[in-house]
Amino acid sequence: MNVGASKDWVQELYVKEFIKPKLLPTDFYYDKDGRMVMTEEYHKRRGSCCGNGCLKCPYEPRHERGNVVIK
């Protein structure tokens, strides 16, 4: 058994493949410092604000976790 492997690796694989949404090439871009920036369209498709202070947050008021009101 791999020492670094989680004992719940099957569940982690299931979540990774079937539950988490797949990123499309148009969902993000990299800024000049190499950081990933999620697009406004990605946030709208996600369905609610994550509350992480995203640069392209389309919700109003901005950066309020769980908010679903699009500006």
C-alpha atoms as a PDB file:
ATOM      1  CA  MET A   1       0.000   0.000   0.000  1.00  0.00           C
ATOM      2  CA  ASN A   2       1.185   3.497  -0.859  1.00  0.00           C
ATOM      3  CA  VAL A   3       1.967   5.407   2.344  1.00  0.00           C
ATOM      4  CA  GLY A   4       0.753   8.737   0.894  1.00  0.00           C
ATOM      5  CA  ALA A   5      -2.521   7.324  -0.435  1.00  0.00           C
ATOM      6  CA  SER A   6      -5.758   8.106   1.347  1.00  0.00           C
ATOM      7  CA  LYS A   7      -7.797   5.149   2.569  1.00  0.00           C
ATOM      8  CA  ASP A   8     -10.798   6.741   0.843  1.00  0.00           C
ATOM      9  CA  TRP A   9      -9.161   6.922  -2.589  1.00  0.00           C
ATOM     10  CA  VAL A  10     -12.169   5.351  -4.307  1.00  0.00           C
ATOM     11  CA  GLN A  11     -14.487   8.058  -2.948  1.00  0.00           C
ATOM     12  CA  GLU A  12     -11.991  10.793  -3.896  1.00  0.00           C
ATOM     13  CA  LEU A  13     -11.775   9.403  -7.430  1.00  0.00           C
ATOM     14  CA  TYR A  14     -15.577   9.266  -7.704  1.00  0.00           C
ATOM     15  CA  VAL A  15     -15.921  12.903  -6.575  1.00  0.00           C
ATOM     16  CA  LYS A  16     -13.159  14.017  -8.936  1.00  0.00           C
ATOM     17  CA  GLU A  17     -14.678  12.277 -11.954  1.00  0.00           C
ATOM     18  CA  PHE A  18     -18.434  12.596 -11.426  1.00  0.00           C
ATOM     19  CA  ILE A  19     -19.342  15.294  -8.941  1.00  0.00           C
ATOM     20  CA  LYS A  20     -16.922  18.184  -9.387  1.00  0.00           C
ATOM     21  CA  PRO A  21     -17.692  20.160 -12.538  1.00  0.00           C
ATOM     22  CA  LYS A  22     -15.146  19.867 -15.319  1.00  0.00           C
ATOM     23  CA  LEU A  23     -13.358  23.067 -16.304  1.00  0.00           C
ATOM     24  CA  LEU A  24     -13.704  24.156 -19.889  1.00  0.00           C
ATOM     25  CA  PRO A  25     -10.871  25.982 -21.674  1.00  0.00           C
ATOM     26  CA  THR A  26     -13.050  29.123 -21.653  1.00  0.00           C
ATOM     27  CA  ASP A  27     -13.610  28.976 -17.877  1.00  0.00           C
ATOM     28  CA  PHE A  28     -10.305  30.542 -16.924  1.00  0.00           C
ATOM     29  CA  TYR A  29      -7.186  32.334 -18.073  1.00  0.00           C
ATOM     30  CA  TYR A  30      -3.795  33.030 -16.518  1.00  0.00           C
ATOM     31  CA  ASP A  31      -2.841  36.584 -15.582  1.00  0.00           C
ATOM     32  CA  LYS A  32       0.625  38.069 -16.115  1.00  0.00           C
ATOM     33  CA  ASP A  33       1.787  36.628 -12.767  1.00  0.00           C
ATOM     34  CA  GLY A  34       0.680  33.104 -13.689  1.00  0.00           C
ATOM     35  CA  ARG A  35      -2.383  33.023 -11.443  1.00  0.00           C
ATOM     36  CA  MET A  36      -5.563  31.335 -12.660  1.00  0.00           C
ATOM     37  CA  VAL A  37      -8.494  33.757 -13.065  1.00  0.00           C
ATOM     38  CA  MET A  38     -11.968  32.281 -13.422  1.00  0.00           C
ATOM     39  CA  THR A  39     -14.191  33.995 -16.019  1.00  0.00           C
ATOM     40  CA  GLU A  40     -17.560  35.586 -15.341  1.00  0.00           C
ATOM     41  CA  GLU A  41     -19.250  32.897 -17.441  1.00  0.00           C
ATOM     42  CA  TYR A  42     -17.746  30.175 -15.219  1.00  0.00           C
ATOM     43  CA  HIS A  43     -19.115  31.902 -12.121  1.00  0.00           C
ATOM     44  CA  LYS A  44     -22.583  32.199 -13.658  1.00  0.00           C
ATOM     45  CA  ARG A  45     -22.561  28.507 -14.590  1.00  0.00           C
ATOM     46  CA  ARG A  46     -21.396  27.627 -11.061  1.00  0.00           C
ATOM     47  CA  GLY A  47     -24.675  29.084  -9.787  1.00  0.00           C
ATOM     48  CA  SER A  48     -23.656  30.965  -6.639  1.00  0.00           C
ATOM     49  CA  CYS A  49     -20.882  33.074  -5.173  1.00  0.00           C
ATOM     50  CA  CYS A  50     -18.035  31.184  -3.522  1.00  0.00           C
ATOM     51  CA  GLY A  51     -17.109  34.157  -1.320  1.00  0.00           C
ATOM     52  CA  ASN A  52     -13.403  34.005  -2.191  1.00  0.00           C
ATOM     53  CA  GLY A  53     -13.098  37.551  -3.555  1.00  0.00           C
ATOM     54  CA  CYS A  54     -12.873  36.541  -7.223  1.00  0.00           C
ATOM     55  CA  LEU A  55     -11.834  39.239  -9.677  1.00  0.00           C
ATOM     56  CA  LYS A  56     -14.674  38.463 -12.118  1.00  0.00           C
ATOM     57  CA  CYS A  57     -17.449  37.915  -9.569  1.00  0.00           C
ATOM     58  CA  PRO A  58     -20.804  38.568 -11.346  1.00  0.00           C
ATOM     59  CA  TYR A  59     -22.923  38.542  -8.174  1.00  0.00           C
ATOM     60  CA  GLU A  60     -24.288  41.547  -6.312  1.00  0.00           C
ATOM     61  CA  PRO A  61     -23.298  42.220  -3.579  1.00  0.00           C
ATOM     62  CA  ARG A  62     -19.882  40.880  -4.540  1.00  0.00           C
ATOM     63  CA  HIS A  63     -18.001  38.231  -2.564  1.00  0.00           C
ATOM     64  CA  GLU A  64     -20.917  37.153  -0.381  1.00  0.00           C
ATOM     65  CA  ARG A  65     -20.817  33.355  -0.144  1.00  0.00           C
ATOM     66  CA  GLY A  66     -23.982  31.654  -1.395  1.00  0.00           C
ATOM     67  CA  ASN A  67     -25.312  34.773  -3.127  1.00  0.00           C
ATOM     68  CA  VAL A  68     -27.268  33.981  -6.321  1.00  0.00           C
ATOM     69  CA  VAL A  69     -28.243  37.508  -7.465  1.00  0.00           C
ATOM     70  CA  ILE A  70     -26.437  38.353 -10.707  1.00  0.00           C
ATOM     71  CA  LYS A  71     -25.725  42.042 -11.308  1.00  0.00           C
END
